Amino acid sequence: MDANDPEALWKASTRRAQEKRRDRNRVLWHAWHLDQAEMLRRTMASLIAAHEEKAASLEVDLCAAEIIEDELVSTPEWRSA
């Protein structure tokens, strides 16, 4: 590169600025993706827990429902309705 060539100096300066901007953006995107992963991990954990709790409560209700269903199936009025 010729130190006296303004165009060459401008191109080199532009190239360095673009590289610096790309590096900064890469760091920012990296941080953003890590933050998103953590946010989703917390959200998913709470959703999983909520579904497990609901499933557990329904499991108890399902046992009771099976008993009720057995009684209803054996009742003629239920079948004719």
Protein backbone atom coordinates (compact mmCIF):
# COMPACT_ATOMS: atom_id res chain seq x y z
CA MET A 1 0.00 0.00 0.00
CA ASP A 2 1.30 3.40 -0.94
CA ALA A 3 1.20 5.77 2.03
CA ASN A 4 0.78 8.68 -0.41
CA ASP A 5 -2.20 7.19 -2.27
CA PRO A 6 -5.37 8.61 -0.69
CA GLU A 7 -7.60 6.00 -2.34
CA ALA A 8 -5.50 3.13 -1.00
CA LEU A 9 -5.54 4.70 2.47
CA TRP A 10 -9.31 5.16 2.27
CA LYS A 11 -9.83 1.52 1.18
CA ALA A 12 -7.63 0.23 3.99
CA SER A 13 -9.43 2.42 6.52
CA THR A 14 -12.81 1.27 5.25
CA ARG A 15 -11.76 -2.37 5.39
CA ARG A 16 -10.58 -2.01 9.01
CA ALA A 17 -13.81 -0.25 10.00
CA GLN A 18 -15.91 -3.00 8.37
CA GLU A 19 -13.91 -5.73 10.10
CA LYS A 20 -14.31 -3.95 13.43
CA ARG A 21 -18.08 -3.59 12.87
CA ARG A 22 -18.39 -7.29 11.89
CA ASP A 23 -16.45 -8.35 14.99
CA ARG A 24 -18.60 -6.15 17.24
CA ASN A 25 -21.80 -7.45 15.66
CA ARG A 26 -20.60 -11.03 16.07
CA VAL A 27 -20.04 -10.41 19.79
CA LEU A 28 -23.46 -8.77 20.14
CA TRP A 29 -25.25 -11.58 18.28
CA HIS A 30 -23.40 -14.15 20.37
CA ALA A 31 -24.61 -12.47 23.57
CA TRP A 32 -28.14 -12.13 22.19
CA HIS A 33 -28.33 -15.84 21.33
CA LEU A 34 -27.05 -16.83 24.77
CA ASP A 35 -29.66 -14.58 26.39
CA GLN A 36 -32.42 -16.04 24.22
CA ALA A 37 -31.34 -19.59 25.04
CA GLU A 38 -31.44 -18.82 28.77
CA MET A 39 -34.83 -17.12 28.50
CA LEU A 40 -36.25 -20.08 26.56
CA ARG A 41 -34.71 -22.53 29.02
CA ARG A 42 -36.48 -20.78 31.92
CA THR A 43 -39.75 -20.54 29.99
CA MET A 44 -39.64 -24.17 28.94
CA ALA A 45 -38.78 -25.31 32.45
CA SER A 46 -41.81 -23.52 33.89
CA LEU A 47 -44.06 -24.80 31.10
CA ILE A 48 -42.83 -28.36 31.61
CA ALA A 49 -43.43 -28.09 35.34
CA ALA A 50 -46.94 -26.73 34.77
CA HIS A 51 -47.80 -29.58 32.37
CA GLU A 52 -46.37 -32.18 34.74
CA GLU A 53 -48.44 -30.77 37.61
CA LYS A 54 -51.59 -30.80 35.47
CA ALA A 55 -50.87 -34.34 34.29
CA ALA A 56 -50.38 -35.46 37.89
CA SER A 57 -53.69 -33.91 38.94
CA LEU A 58 -55.45 -35.49 35.99
CA GLU A 59 -53.90 -38.85 36.74
CA VAL A 60 -55.75 -38.92 40.04
CA ASP A 61 -58.92 -37.72 38.32
CA LEU A 62 -58.52 -40.39 35.62
CA CYS A 63 -58.53 -43.13 38.23
CA ALA A 64 -61.75 -41.73 39.64
CA ALA A 65 -63.16 -41.32 36.11
CA GLU A 66 -62.51 -44.97 35.31
CA ILE A 67 -64.54 -45.98 38.34
CA ILE A 68 -67.35 -43.60 37.37
CA GLU A 69 -67.24 -44.75 33.74
CA ASP A 70 -67.50 -48.40 34.81
CA GLU A 71 -70.58 -47.53 36.84
CA LEU A 72 -72.10 -45.52 33.97
CA VAL A 73 -71.49 -48.24 31.39
CA SER A 74 -73.32 -50.77 33.54
CA THR A 75 -76.31 -48.44 33.92
CA PRO A 76 -78.93 -49.01 31.19
CA GLU A 77 -80.24 -45.42 31.37
CA TRP A 78 -76.83 -44.09 30.41
CA ARG A 79 -76.62 -46.30 27.33
CA SER A 80 -80.01 -45.28 26.04
CA ALA A 81 -79.36 -41.55 26.40
